[in-house]
Amino acid sequence: ALDSPGAYALYARRMEQAQLPPHAYQLERALERALGGDELHVCFQPKISLRDGRLTGAEALLRWTREDGQAIGPDVFIPIAEQSNLIVPLTVWTLNTAMRACGELLDRDPGFSVAVNLS
């Protein structure tokens, strides 16, 4: 935290131009570390057929819970990733994770779909 003794923040003009929160640089560094750890996870929102109530697919939703238990919403971390070099590795990680998690369903039901929103 910036109010801790010895804490500091670096100024980056791109953060100002994007109107990101003042602590965006710290979150960017934390997100970079999260990519290498196990703070990121994918939740699946089911897609149900209104016609017959059958599960037809799922939407993969990227979520970030920091080691301290704090959940960082995608409305906060996605714009930070988009303004940095992290959006591509974050996208690749999300796609790989979603496909691995749904692989068995995709094998059993070729009509099953997995949606992933891309930036």
PDB file of N, CA and C in Angstrom:
ATOM      1  N   ALA A   1       0.837  -1.183   0.000  1.00  0.00           N
ATOM      2  CA  ALA A   1       0.000   0.000   0.000  1.00  0.00           C
ATOM      3  C   ALA A   1       0.873   1.234   0.000  1.00  0.00           C
ATOM      4  N   LEU A   2       0.404   2.278  -0.653  1.00  0.00           N
ATOM      5  CA  LEU A   2       1.191   3.501  -0.760  1.00  0.00           C
ATOM      6  C   LEU A   2       1.348   4.211   0.574  1.00  0.00           C
ATOM      7  N   ASP A   3       0.514   3.934   1.539  1.00  0.00           N
ATOM      8  CA  ASP A   3       0.647   4.594   2.830  1.00  0.00           C
ATOM      9  C   ASP A   3       1.604   3.856   3.768  1.00  0.00           C
ATOM     10  N   SER A   4       2.230   2.780   3.309  1.00  0.00           N
ATOM     11  CA  SER A   4       3.203   2.043   4.096  1.00  0.00           C
ATOM     12  C   SER A   4       4.533   2.775   4.099  1.00  0.00           C
ATOM     13  N   PRO A   5       5.300   2.658   5.175  1.00  0.00           N
ATOM     14  CA  PRO A   5       6.618   3.297   5.197  1.00  0.00           C
ATOM     15  C   PRO A   5       7.506   2.763   4.070  1.00  0.00           C
ATOM     16  N   GLY A   6       8.152   3.660   3.366  1.00  0.00           N
ATOM     17  CA  GLY A   6       9.060   3.280   2.287  1.00  0.00           C
ATOM     18  C   GLY A   6       8.371   2.960   0.974  1.00  0.00           C
ATOM     19  N   ALA A   7       7.050   3.056   0.913  1.00  0.00           N
ATOM     20  CA  ALA A   7       6.315   2.735  -0.325  1.00  0.00           C
ATOM     21  C   ALA A   7       6.464   3.882  -1.319  1.00  0.00           C
ATOM     22  N   TYR A   8       6.419   3.548  -2.570  1.00  0.00           N
ATOM     23  CA  TYR A   8       6.489   4.562  -3.613  1.00  0.00           C
ATOM     24  C   TYR A   8       5.720   4.080  -4.832  1.00  0.00           C
ATOM     25  N   ALA A   9       5.411   5.009  -5.727  1.00  0.00           N
ATOM     26  CA  ALA A   9       4.728   4.685  -6.973  1.00  0.00           C
ATOM     27  C   ALA A   9       5.449   5.393  -8.101  1.00  0.00           C
ATOM     28  N   LEU A  10       5.488   4.773  -9.250  1.00  0.00           N
ATOM     29  CA  LEU A  10       6.102   5.375 -10.417  1.00  0.00           C
ATOM     30  C   LEU A  10       5.026   5.996 -11.292  1.00  0.00           C
ATOM     31  N   TYR A  11       5.328   7.136 -11.837  1.00  0.00           N
ATOM     32  CA  TYR A  11       4.399   7.818 -12.720  1.00  0.00           C
ATOM     33  C   TYR A  11       4.580   7.309 -14.136  1.00  0.00           C
ATOM     34  N   ALA A  12       3.481   7.019 -14.794  1.00  0.00           N
ATOM     35  CA  ALA A  12       3.527   6.620 -16.193  1.00  0.00           C
ATOM     36  C   ALA A  12       2.429   7.395 -16.923  1.00  0.00           C
ATOM     37  N   ARG A  13       2.797   8.174 -17.928  1.00  0.00           N
ATOM     38  CA  ARG A  13       1.841   9.018 -18.646  1.00  0.00           C
ATOM     39  C   ARG A  13       0.682   8.189 -19.220  1.00  0.00           C
ATOM     40  N   ARG A  14       0.972   6.956 -19.664  1.00  0.00           N
ATOM     41  CA  ARG A  14      -0.090   6.142 -20.253  1.00  0.00           C
ATOM     42  C   ARG A  14      -1.192   5.843 -19.247  1.00  0.00           C
ATOM     43  N   MET A  15      -0.854   5.780 -17.963  1.00  0.00           N
ATOM     44  CA  MET A  15      -1.874   5.555 -16.937  1.00  0.00           C
ATOM     45  C   MET A  15      -2.791   6.776 -16.847  1.00  0.00           C
ATOM     46  N   GLU A  16      -2.224   7.960 -16.941  1.00  0.00           N
ATOM     47  CA  GLU A  16      -3.005   9.189 -16.891  1.00  0.00           C
ATOM     48  C   GLU A  16      -3.912   9.303 -18.109  1.00  0.00           C
ATOM     49  N   GLN A  17      -3.377   9.004 -19.265  1.00  0.00           N
ATOM     50  CA  GLN A  17      -4.140   9.124 -20.497  1.00  0.00           C
ATOM     51  C   GLN A  17      -5.311   8.149 -20.530  1.00  0.00           C
ATOM     52  N   ALA A  18      -5.153   6.992 -19.964  1.00  0.00           N
ATOM     53  CA  ALA A  18      -6.203   5.977 -19.975  1.00  0.00           C
ATOM     54  C   ALA A  18      -7.216   6.190 -18.847  1.00  0.00           C
ATOM     55  N   GLN A  19      -6.960   7.176 -17.961  1.00  0.00           N
ATOM     56  CA  GLN A  19      -7.804   7.457 -16.803  1.00  0.00           C
ATOM     57  C   GLN A  19      -7.971   6.224 -15.926  1.00  0.00           C
ATOM     58  N   LEU A  20      -6.879   5.547 -15.700  1.00  0.00           N
ATOM     59  CA  LEU A  20      -6.873   4.365 -14.832  1.00  0.00           C
ATOM     60  C   LEU A  20      -6.716   4.821 -13.387  1.00  0.00           C
ATOM     61  N   PRO A  21      -7.056   3.969 -12.437  1.00  0.00           N
ATOM     62  CA  PRO A  21      -6.920   4.356 -11.027  1.00  0.00           C
ATOM     63  C   PRO A  21      -5.462   4.657 -10.682  1.00  0.00           C
ATOM     64  N   PRO A  22      -5.238   5.501  -9.663  1.00  0.00           N
ATOM     65  CA  PRO A  22      -3.871   5.893  -9.302  1.00  0.00           C
ATOM     66  C   PRO A  22      -2.957   4.713  -8.974  1.00  0.00           C
ATOM     67  N   HIS A  23      -3.507   3.650  -8.470  1.00  0.00           N
ATOM     68  CA  HIS A  23      -2.714   2.469  -8.101  1.00  0.00           C
ATOM     69  C   HIS A  23      -2.612   1.464  -9.255  1.00  0.00           C
ATOM     70  N   ALA A  24      -2.903   1.906 -10.475  1.00  0.00           N
ATOM     71  CA  ALA A  24      -2.916   1.006 -11.631  1.00  0.00           C
ATOM     72  C   ALA A  24      -1.559   0.367 -11.883  1.00  0.00           C
ATOM     73  N   TYR A  25      -0.485   1.125 -11.691  1.00  0.00           N
ATOM     74  CA  TYR A  25       0.843   0.556 -11.926  1.00  0.00           C
ATOM     75  C   TYR A  25       1.097  -0.598 -10.964  1.00  0.00           C
ATOM     76  N   GLN A  26       0.720  -0.430  -9.704  1.00  0.00           N
ATOM     77  CA  GLN A  26       0.888  -1.510  -8.727  1.00  0.00           C
ATOM     78  C   GLN A  26       0.044  -2.723  -9.120  1.00  0.00           C
ATOM     79  N   LEU A  27      -1.171  -2.475  -9.564  1.00  0.00           N
ATOM     80  CA  LEU A  27      -2.028  -3.581  -9.987  1.00  0.00           C
ATOM     81  C   LEU A  27      -1.470  -4.268 -11.232  1.00  0.00           C
ATOM     82  N   GLU A  28      -0.870  -3.486 -12.118  1.00  0.00           N
ATOM     83  CA  GLU A  28      -0.253  -4.079 -13.313  1.00  0.00           C
ATOM     84  C   GLU A  28       0.857  -5.032 -12.917  1.00  0.00           C
ATOM     85  N   ARG A  29       1.715  -4.638 -11.992  1.00  0.00           N
ATOM     86  CA  ARG A  29       2.798  -5.508 -11.530  1.00  0.00           C
ATOM     87  C   ARG A  29       2.226  -6.736 -10.826  1.00  0.00           C
ATOM     88  N   ALA A  30       1.185  -6.548 -10.013  1.00  0.00           N
ATOM     89  CA  ALA A  30       0.558  -7.674  -9.313  1.00  0.00           C
ATOM     90  C   ALA A  30      -0.097  -8.637 -10.307  1.00  0.00           C
ATOM     91  N   LEU A  31      -0.712  -8.098 -11.361  1.00  0.00           N
ATOM     92  CA  LEU A  31      -1.325  -8.945 -12.387  1.00  0.00           C
ATOM     93  C   LEU A  31      -0.262  -9.741 -13.129  1.00  0.00           C
ATOM     94  N   GLU A  32       0.867  -9.121 -13.369  1.00  0.00           N
ATOM     95  CA  GLU A  32       1.986  -9.821 -14.014  1.00  0.00           C
ATOM     96  C   GLU A  32       2.428 -11.004 -13.165  1.00  0.00           C
ATOM     97  N   ARG A  33       2.513 -10.803 -11.851  1.00  0.00           N
ATOM     98  CA  ARG A  33       2.873 -11.903 -10.937  1.00  0.00           C
ATOM     99  C   ARG A  33       1.766 -12.967 -10.892  1.00  0.00           C
ATOM    100  N   ALA A  34       0.506 -12.518 -10.961  1.00  0.00           N
ATOM    101  CA  ALA A  34      -0.628 -13.446 -10.897  1.00  0.00           C
ATOM    102  C   ALA A  34      -0.619 -14.404 -12.080  1.00  0.00           C
ATOM    103  N   LEU A  35      -0.157 -13.926 -13.230  1.00  0.00           N
ATOM    104  CA  LEU A  35      -0.080 -14.790 -14.420  1.00  0.00           C
ATOM    105  C   LEU A  35       0.849 -15.973 -14.186  1.00  0.00           C
ATOM    106  N   GLY A  36       1.859 -15.784 -13.362  1.00  0.00           N
ATOM    107  CA  GLY A  36       2.806 -16.854 -13.079  1.00  0.00           C
ATOM    108  C   GLY A  36       2.431 -17.672 -11.858  1.00  0.00           C
ATOM    109  N   GLY A  37       1.411 -17.242 -11.128  1.00  0.00           N
ATOM    110  CA  GLY A  37       1.002 -17.944  -9.907  1.00  0.00           C
ATOM    111  C   GLY A  37      -0.352 -18.587 -10.078  1.00  0.00           C
ATOM    112  N   ASP A  38      -1.066 -18.727  -8.947  1.00  0.00           N
ATOM    113  CA  ASP A  38      -2.398 -19.327  -9.058  1.00  0.00           C
ATOM    114  C   ASP A  38      -3.471 -18.407  -8.494  1.00  0.00           C
ATOM    115  N   GLU A  39      -3.371 -17.126  -8.800  1.00  0.00           N
ATOM    116  CA  GLU A  39      -4.396 -16.181  -8.372  1.00  0.00           C
ATOM    117  C   GLU A  39      -5.508 -16.040  -9.406  1.00  0.00           C
ATOM    118  N   LEU A  40      -5.233 -16.384 -10.643  1.00  0.00           N
ATOM    119  CA  LEU A  40      -6.234 -16.271 -11.703  1.00  0.00           C
ATOM    120  C   LEU A  40      -7.013 -17.568 -11.826  1.00  0.00           C
ATOM    121  N   HIS A  41      -8.280 -17.456 -12.130  1.00  0.00           N
ATOM    122  CA  HIS A  41      -9.094 -18.641 -12.388  1.00  0.00           C
ATOM    123  C   HIS A  41     -10.216 -18.281 -13.351  1.00  0.00           C
ATOM    124  N   VAL A  42     -10.763 -19.306 -13.959  1.00  0.00           N
ATOM    125  CA  VAL A  42     -11.860 -19.133 -14.898  1.00  0.00           C
ATOM    126  C   VAL A  42     -13.115 -19.746 -14.282  1.00  0.00           C
ATOM    127  N   CYS A  43     -14.178 -18.955 -14.258  1.00  0.00           N
ATOM    128  CA  CYS A  43     -15.498 -19.442 -13.842  1.00  0.00           C
ATOM    129  C   CYS A  43     -16.314 -19.638 -15.117  1.00  0.00           C
ATOM    130  N   PHE A  44     -17.249 -20.534 -15.063  1.00  0.00           N
ATOM    131  CA  PHE A  44     -18.069 -20.807 -16.240  1.00  0.00           C
ATOM    132  C   PHE A  44     -19.532 -20.490 -15.951  1.00  0.00           C
ATOM    133  N   GLN A  45     -20.078 -19.636 -16.787  1.00  0.00           N
ATOM    134  CA  GLN A  45     -21.502 -19.315 -16.715  1.00  0.00           C
ATOM    135  C   GLN A  45     -22.202 -20.189 -17.750  1.00  0.00           C
ATOM    136  N   PRO A  46     -23.125 -21.042 -17.309  1.00  0.00           N
ATOM    137  CA  PRO A  46     -23.764 -21.962 -18.259  1.00  0.00           C
ATOM    138  C   PRO A  46     -24.651 -21.234 -19.263  1.00  0.00           C
ATOM    139  N   LYS A  47     -24.712 -21.794 -20.457  1.00  0.00           N
ATOM    140  CA  LYS A  47     -25.640 -21.339 -21.488  1.00  0.00           C
ATOM    141  C   LYS A  47     -26.669 -22.458 -21.651  1.00  0.00           C
ATOM    142  N   ILE A  48     -27.921 -22.129 -21.412  1.00  0.00           N
ATOM    143  CA  ILE A  48     -29.002 -23.108 -21.408  1.00  0.00           C
ATOM    144  C   ILE A  48     -29.952 -22.816 -22.563  1.00  0.00           C
ATOM    145  N   SER A  49     -30.365 -23.864 -23.262  1.00  0.00           N
ATOM    146  CA  SER A  49     -31.339 -23.724 -24.335  1.00  0.00           C
ATOM    147  C   SER A  49     -32.706 -23.407 -23.730  1.00  0.00           C
ATOM    148  N   LEU A  50     -33.321 -22.328 -24.174  1.00  0.00           N
ATOM    149  CA  LEU A  50     -34.657 -21.991 -23.689  1.00  0.00           C
ATOM    150  C   LEU A  50     -35.701 -22.960 -24.227  1.00  0.00           C
ATOM    151  N   ARG A  51     -35.391 -23.590 -25.330  1.00  0.00           N
ATOM    152  CA  ARG A  51     -36.329 -24.523 -25.965  1.00  0.00           C
ATOM    153  C   ARG A  51     -36.506 -25.780 -25.125  1.00  0.00           C
ATOM    154  N   ASP A  52     -35.389 -26.385 -24.685  1.00  0.00           N
ATOM    155  CA  ASP A  52     -35.513 -27.671 -23.993  1.00  0.00           C
ATOM    156  C   ASP A  52     -34.790 -27.729 -22.643  1.00  0.00           C
ATOM    157  N   GLY A  53     -34.193 -26.615 -22.193  1.00  0.00           N
ATOM    158  CA  GLY A  53     -33.524 -26.586 -20.895  1.00  0.00           C
ATOM    159  C   GLY A  53     -32.192 -27.306 -20.865  1.00  0.00           C
ATOM    160  N   ARG A  54     -31.681 -27.680 -22.039  1.00  0.00           N
ATOM    161  CA  ARG A  54     -30.425 -28.430 -22.134  1.00  0.00           C
ATOM    162  C   ARG A  54     -29.219 -27.486 -22.055  1.00  0.00           C
ATOM    163  N   LEU A  55     -28.162 -27.946 -21.396  1.00  0.00           N
ATOM    164  CA  LEU A  55     -26.907 -27.208 -21.357  1.00  0.00           C
ATOM    165  C   LEU A  55     -26.285 -27.245 -22.751  1.00  0.00           C
ATOM    166  N   THR A  56     -26.081 -26.078 -23.336  1.00  0.00           N
ATOM    167  CA  THR A  56     -25.542 -26.026 -24.699  1.00  0.00           C
ATOM    168  C   THR A  56     -24.120 -25.499 -24.744  1.00  0.00           C
ATOM    169  N   GLY A  57     -23.685 -24.888 -23.666  1.00  0.00           N
ATOM    170  CA  GLY A  57     -22.341 -24.335 -23.659  1.00  0.00           C
ATOM    171  C   GLY A  57     -22.093 -23.554 -22.385  1.00  0.00           C
ATOM    172  N   ALA A  58     -21.010 -22.795 -22.427  1.00  0.00           N
ATOM    173  CA  ALA A  58     -20.644 -21.991 -21.267  1.00  0.00           C
ATOM    174  C   ALA A  58     -19.853 -20.778 -21.723  1.00  0.00           C
ATOM    175  N   GLU A  59     -19.937 -19.738 -20.917  1.00  0.00           N
ATOM    176  CA  GLU A  59     -19.108 -18.566 -21.146  1.00  0.00           C
ATOM    177  C   GLU A  59     -18.010 -18.564 -20.092  1.00  0.00           C
ATOM    178  N   ALA A  60     -16.769 -18.489 -20.531  1.00  0.00           N
ATOM    179  CA  ALA A  60     -15.630 -18.474 -19.611  1.00  0.00           C
ATOM    180  C   ALA A  60     -15.439 -17.047 -19.099  1.00  0.00           C
ATOM    181  N   LEU A  61     -15.382 -16.904 -17.789  1.00  0.00           N
ATOM    182  CA  LEU A  61     -15.229 -15.595 -17.160  1.00  0.00           C
ATOM    183  C   LEU A  61     -13.943 -15.586 -16.339  1.00  0.00           C
ATOM    184  N   LEU A  62     -13.021 -14.722 -16.696  1.00  0.00           N
ATOM    185  CA  LEU A  62     -11.750 -14.636 -15.985  1.00  0.00           C
ATOM    186  C   LEU A  62     -11.938 -13.897 -14.671  1.00  0.00           C
ATOM    187  N   ARG A  63     -11.403 -14.455 -13.603  1.00  0.00           N
ATOM    188  CA  ARG A  63     -11.479 -13.847 -12.281  1.00  0.00           C
ATOM    189  C   ARG A  63     -10.096 -13.839 -11.644  1.00  0.00           C
ATOM    190  N   TRP A  64      -9.876 -12.851 -10.782  1.00  0.00           N
ATOM    191  CA  TRP A  64      -8.594 -12.695 -10.100  1.00  0.00           C
ATOM    192  C   TRP A  64      -8.851 -12.508  -8.617  1.00  0.00           C
ATOM    193  N   THR A  65      -8.326 -13.439  -7.823  1.00  0.00           N
ATOM    194  CA  THR A  65      -8.363 -13.326  -6.372  1.00  0.00           C
ATOM    195  C   THR A  65      -6.925 -13.328  -5.884  1.00  0.00           C
ATOM    196  N   ARG A  66      -6.512 -12.215  -5.304  1.00  0.00           N
ATOM    197  CA  ARG A  66      -5.124 -12.081  -4.846  1.00  0.00           C
ATOM    198  C   ARG A  66      -4.852 -13.005  -3.662  1.00  0.00           C
ATOM    199  N   GLU A  67      -3.577 -13.210  -3.392  1.00  0.00           N
ATOM    200  CA  GLU A  67      -3.169 -14.099  -2.295  1.00  0.00           C
ATOM    201  C   GLU A  67      -3.789 -13.686  -0.965  1.00  0.00           C
ATOM    202  N   ASP A  68      -4.005 -12.377  -0.776  1.00  0.00           N
ATOM    203  CA  ASP A  68      -4.586 -11.884   0.476  1.00  0.00           C
ATOM    204  C   ASP A  68      -6.105 -12.046   0.521  1.00  0.00           C
ATOM    205  N   GLY A  69      -6.689 -12.671  -0.530  1.00  0.00           N
ATOM    206  CA  GLY A  69      -8.123 -12.913  -0.572  1.00  0.00           C
ATOM    207  C   GLY A  69      -8.928 -11.813  -1.237  1.00  0.00           C
ATOM    208  N   GLN A  70      -8.274 -10.717  -1.594  1.00  0.00           N
ATOM    209  CA  GLN A  70      -8.974  -9.600  -2.235  1.00  0.00           C
ATOM    210  C   GLN A  70      -9.309  -9.947  -3.683  1.00  0.00           C
ATOM    211  N   ALA A  71     -10.582  -9.836  -4.025  1.00  0.00           N
ATOM    212  CA  ALA A  71     -11.014 -10.067  -5.405  1.00  0.00           C
ATOM    213  C   ALA A  71     -10.875  -8.757  -6.173  1.00  0.00           C
ATOM    214  N   ILE A  72     -10.221  -8.828  -7.332  1.00  0.00           N
ATOM    215  CA  ILE A  72     -10.076  -7.673  -8.210  1.00  0.00           C
ATOM    216  C   ILE A  72     -10.995  -7.923  -9.397  1.00  0.00           C
ATOM    217  N   GLY A  73     -11.943  -7.042  -9.612  1.00  0.00           N
ATOM    218  CA  GLY A  73     -12.926  -7.235 -10.673  1.00  0.00           C
ATOM    219  C   GLY A  73     -12.341  -7.028 -12.058  1.00  0.00           C
ATOM    220  N   PRO A  74     -12.904  -7.721 -13.044  1.00  0.00           N
ATOM    221  CA  PRO A  74     -12.432  -7.560 -14.419  1.00  0.00           C
ATOM    222  C   PRO A  74     -12.592  -6.128 -14.917  1.00  0.00           C
ATOM    223  N   ASP A  75     -13.544  -5.382 -14.363  1.00  0.00           N
ATOM    224  CA  ASP A  75     -13.704  -3.983 -14.745  1.00  0.00           C
ATOM    225  C   ASP A  75     -12.505  -3.145 -14.323  1.00  0.00           C
ATOM    226  N   VAL A  76     -11.717  -3.651 -13.379  1.00  0.00           N
ATOM    227  CA  VAL A  76     -10.499  -2.971 -12.927  1.00  0.00           C
ATOM    228  C   VAL A  76      -9.280  -3.496 -13.670  1.00  0.00           C
ATOM    229  N   PHE A  77      -9.103  -4.846 -13.697  1.00  0.00           N
ATOM    230  CA  PHE A  77      -7.839  -5.360 -14.219  1.00  0.00           C
ATOM    231  C   PHE A  77      -7.786  -5.489 -15.740  1.00  0.00           C
ATOM    232  N   ILE A  78      -8.916  -5.629 -16.424  1.00  0.00           N
ATOM    233  CA  ILE A  78      -8.868  -5.735 -17.889  1.00  0.00           C
ATOM    234  C   ILE A  78      -8.379  -4.435 -18.530  1.00  0.00           C
ATOM    235  N   PRO A  79      -8.885  -3.252 -18.149  1.00  0.00           N
ATOM    236  CA  PRO A  79      -8.341  -2.025 -18.743  1.00  0.00           C
ATOM    237  C   PRO A  79      -6.842  -1.843 -18.475  1.00  0.00           C
ATOM    238  N   ILE A  80      -6.396  -2.275 -17.309  1.00  0.00           N
ATOM    239  CA  ILE A  80      -4.965  -2.181 -16.988  1.00  0.00           C
ATOM    240  C   ILE A  80      -4.182  -3.112 -17.907  1.00  0.00           C
ATOM    241  N   ALA A  81      -4.677  -4.324 -18.104  1.00  0.00           N
ATOM    242  CA  ALA A  81      -4.009  -5.277 -19.002  1.00  0.00           C
ATOM    243  C   ALA A  81      -4.009  -4.750 -20.433  1.00  0.00           C
ATOM    244  N   GLU A  82      -5.107  -4.119 -20.846  1.00  0.00           N
ATOM    245  CA  GLU A  82      -5.202  -3.591 -22.211  1.00  0.00           C
ATOM    246  C   GLU A  82      -4.200  -2.467 -22.449  1.00  0.00           C
ATOM    247  N   GLN A  83      -3.891  -1.695 -21.423  1.00  0.00           N
ATOM    248  CA  GLN A  83      -2.968  -0.572 -21.555  1.00  0.00           C
ATOM    249  C   GLN A  83      -1.508  -0.995 -21.379  1.00  0.00           C
ATOM    250  N   SER A  84      -1.291  -2.248 -21.075  1.00  0.00           N
ATOM    251  CA  SER A  84       0.073  -2.746 -20.856  1.00  0.00           C
ATOM    252  C   SER A  84       0.355  -3.848 -21.869  1.00  0.00           C
ATOM    253  N   ASN A  85       1.436  -4.517 -21.678  1.00  0.00           N
ATOM    254  CA  ASN A  85       1.790  -5.653 -22.541  1.00  0.00           C
ATOM    255  C   ASN A  85       1.218  -6.962 -22.014  1.00  0.00           C
ATOM    256  N   LEU A  86       0.310  -6.897 -21.050  1.00  0.00           N
ATOM    257  CA  LEU A  86      -0.195  -8.108 -20.412  1.00  0.00           C
ATOM    258  C   LEU A  86      -1.434  -8.692 -21.070  1.00  0.00           C
ATOM    259  N   ILE A  87      -2.090  -7.956 -21.951  1.00  0.00           N
ATOM    260  CA  ILE A  87      -3.361  -8.437 -22.488  1.00  0.00           C
ATOM    261  C   ILE A  87      -3.178  -9.696 -23.338  1.00  0.00           C
ATOM    262  N   VAL A  88      -2.094  -9.783 -24.089  1.00  0.00           N
ATOM    263  CA  VAL A  88      -1.891 -10.975 -24.928  1.00  0.00           C
ATOM    264  C   VAL A  88      -1.631 -12.215 -24.073  1.00  0.00           C
ATOM    265  N   PRO A  89      -0.668 -12.193 -23.131  1.00  0.00           N
ATOM    266  CA  PRO A  89      -0.488 -13.401 -22.312  1.00  0.00           C
ATOM    267  C   PRO A  89      -1.713 -13.725 -21.453  1.00  0.00           C
ATOM    268  N   LEU A  90      -2.447 -12.710 -21.014  1.00  0.00           N
ATOM    269  CA  LEU A  90      -3.658 -12.944 -20.244  1.00  0.00           C
ATOM    270  C   LEU A  90      -4.722 -13.628 -21.102  1.00  0.00           C
ATOM    271  N   THR A  91      -4.845 -13.214 -22.348  1.00  0.00           N
ATOM    272  CA  THR A  91      -5.789 -13.821 -23.278  1.00  0.00           C
ATOM    273  C   THR A  91      -5.410 -15.270 -23.572  1.00  0.00           C
ATOM    274  N   VAL A  92      -4.144 -15.515 -23.833  1.00  0.00           N
ATOM    275  CA  VAL A  92      -3.672 -16.875 -24.111  1.00  0.00           C
ATOM    276  C   VAL A  92      -3.914 -17.772 -22.904  1.00  0.00           C
ATOM    277  N   TRP A  93      -3.607 -17.268 -21.709  1.00  0.00           N
ATOM    278  CA  TRP A  93      -3.823 -18.045 -20.483  1.00  0.00           C
ATOM    279  C   TRP A  93      -5.299 -18.397 -20.339  1.00  0.00           C
ATOM    280  N   THR A  94      -6.175 -17.427 -20.572  1.00  0.00           N
ATOM    281  CA  THR A  94      -7.612 -17.645 -20.427  1.00  0.00           C
ATOM    282  C   THR A  94      -8.123 -18.659 -21.439  1.00  0.00           C
ATOM    283  N   LEU A  95      -7.709 -18.529 -22.686  1.00  0.00           N
ATOM    284  CA  LEU A  95      -8.138 -19.478 -23.717  1.00  0.00           C
ATOM    285  C   LEU A  95      -7.670 -20.895 -23.399  1.00  0.00           C
ATOM    286  N   ASN A  96      -6.405 -21.046 -23.036  1.00  0.00           N
ATOM    287  CA  ASN A  96      -5.873 -22.370 -22.706  1.00  0.00           C
ATOM    288  C   ASN A  96      -6.599 -22.987 -21.514  1.00  0.00           C
ATOM    289  N   THR A  97      -6.820 -22.193 -20.487  1.00  0.00           N
ATOM    290  CA  THR A  97      -7.483 -22.690 -19.281  1.00  0.00           C
ATOM    291  C   THR A  97      -8.920 -23.102 -19.580  1.00  0.00           C
ATOM    292  N   ALA A  98      -9.637 -22.284 -20.334  1.00  0.00           N
ATOM    293  CA  ALA A  98     -11.033 -22.593 -20.672  1.00  0.00           C
ATOM    294  C   ALA A  98     -11.122 -23.859 -21.516  1.00  0.00           C
ATOM    295  N   MET A  99     -10.236 -24.009 -22.490  1.00  0.00           N
ATOM    296  CA  MET A  99     -10.287 -25.186 -23.358  1.00  0.00           C
ATOM    297  C   MET A  99      -9.923 -26.458 -22.602  1.00  0.00           C
ATOM    298  N   ARG A 100      -8.929 -26.380 -21.719  1.00  0.00           N
ATOM    299  CA  ARG A 100      -8.571 -27.558 -20.914  1.00  0.00           C
ATOM    300  C   ARG A 100      -9.735 -27.964 -20.009  1.00  0.00           C
ATOM    301  N   ALA A 101     -10.368 -26.972 -19.390  1.00  0.00           N
ATOM    302  CA  ALA A 101     -11.459 -27.259 -18.459  1.00  0.00           C
ATOM    303  C   ALA A 101     -12.669 -27.857 -19.171  1.00  0.00           C
ATOM    304  N   CYS A 102     -12.909 -27.459 -20.405  1.00  0.00           N
ATOM    305  CA  CYS A 102     -14.091 -27.927 -21.141  1.00  0.00           C
ATOM    306  C   CYS A 102     -13.774 -29.021 -22.147  1.00  0.00           C
ATOM    307  N   GLY A 103     -12.551 -29.466 -22.192  1.00  0.00           N
ATOM    308  CA  GLY A 103     -12.140 -30.457 -23.184  1.00  0.00           C
ATOM    309  C   GLY A 103     -12.997 -31.702 -23.204  1.00  0.00           C
ATOM    310  N   GLU A 104     -13.287 -32.261 -22.033  1.00  0.00           N
ATOM    311  CA  GLU A 104     -14.085 -33.490 -21.962  1.00  0.00           C
ATOM    312  C   GLU A 104     -15.508 -33.249 -22.472  1.00  0.00           C
ATOM    313  N   LEU A 105     -16.098 -32.130 -22.104  1.00  0.00           N
ATOM    314  CA  LEU A 105     -17.444 -31.806 -22.589  1.00  0.00           C
ATOM    315  C   LEU A 105     -17.457 -31.622 -24.102  1.00  0.00           C
ATOM    316  N   LEU A 106     -16.419 -30.977 -24.611  1.00  0.00           N
ATOM    317  CA  LEU A 106     -16.334 -30.767 -26.060  1.00  0.00           C
ATOM    318  C   LEU A 106     -16.184 -32.098 -26.795  1.00  0.00           C
ATOM    319  N   ASP A 107     -15.444 -33.053 -26.198  1.00  0.00           N
ATOM    320  CA  ASP A 107     -15.286 -34.375 -26.809  1.00  0.00           C
ATOM    321  C   ASP A 107     -16.608 -35.140 -26.821  1.00  0.00           C
ATOM    322  N   ARG A 108     -17.379 -35.050 -25.737  1.00  0.00           N
ATOM    323  CA  ARG A 108     -18.630 -35.795 -25.622  1.00  0.00           C
ATOM    324  C   ARG A 108     -19.772 -35.184 -26.427  1.00  0.00           C
ATOM    325  N   ASP A 109     -19.763 -33.844 -26.542  1.00  0.00           N
ATOM    326  CA  ASP A 109     -20.870 -33.165 -27.214  1.00  0.00           C
ATOM    327  C   ASP A 109     -20.307 -32.138 -28.197  1.00  0.00           C
ATOM    328  N   PRO A 110     -20.198 -32.498 -29.458  1.00  0.00           N
ATOM    329  CA  PRO A 110     -19.640 -31.573 -30.452  1.00  0.00           C
ATOM    330  C   PRO A 110     -20.439 -30.280 -30.584  1.00  0.00           C
ATOM    331  N   GLY A 111     -21.674 -30.254 -30.114  1.00  0.00           N
ATOM    332  CA  GLY A 111     -22.492 -29.046 -30.176  1.00  0.00           C
ATOM    333  C   GLY A 111     -22.256 -28.101 -29.012  1.00  0.00           C
ATOM    334  N   PHE A 112     -21.510 -28.564 -28.007  1.00  0.00           N
ATOM    335  CA  PHE A 112     -21.204 -27.735 -26.841  1.00  0.00           C
ATOM    336  C   PHE A 112     -20.292 -26.595 -27.270  1.00  0.00           C
ATOM    337  N   SER A 113     -20.578 -25.388 -26.821  1.00  0.00           N
ATOM    338  CA  SER A 113     -19.742 -24.248 -27.191  1.00  0.00           C
ATOM    339  C   SER A 113     -19.178 -23.575 -25.949  1.00  0.00           C
ATOM    340  N   VAL A 114     -17.995 -23.034 -26.109  1.00  0.00           N
ATOM    341  CA  VAL A 114     -17.370 -22.267 -25.050  1.00  0.00           C
ATOM    342  C   VAL A 114     -17.106 -20.871 -25.594  1.00  0.00           C
ATOM    343  N   ALA A 115     -17.652 -19.871 -24.932  1.00  0.00           N
ATOM    344  CA  ALA A 115     -17.462 -18.483 -25.349  1.00  0.00           C
ATOM    345  C   ALA A 115     -16.425 -17.835 -24.447  1.00  0.00           C
ATOM    346  N   VAL A 116     -15.495 -17.104 -25.053  1.00  0.00           N
ATOM    347  CA  VAL A 116     -14.497 -16.339 -24.317  1.00  0.00           C
ATOM    348  C   VAL A 116     -14.478 -14.948 -24.921  1.00  0.00           C
ATOM    349  N   ASN A 117     -14.700 -13.937 -24.088  1.00  0.00           N
ATOM    350  CA  ASN A 117     -14.639 -12.562 -24.579  1.00  0.00           C
ATOM    351  C   ASN A 117     -13.187 -12.157 -24.747  1.00  0.00           C
ATOM    352  N   LEU A 118     -12.878 -11.560 -25.872  1.00  0.00           N
ATOM    353  CA  LEU A 118     -11.513 -11.128 -26.171  1.00  0.00           C
ATOM    354  C   LEU A 118     -11.423  -9.608 -26.217  1.00  0.00           C
ATOM    355  N   SER A 119     -10.294  -9.090 -25.759  1.00  0.00           N
ATOM    356  CA  SER A 119     -10.068  -7.646 -25.836  1.00  0.00           C
ATOM    357  C   SER A 119      -9.326  -7.331 -27.121  1.00  0.00           C
TER     358      SER A 119
END
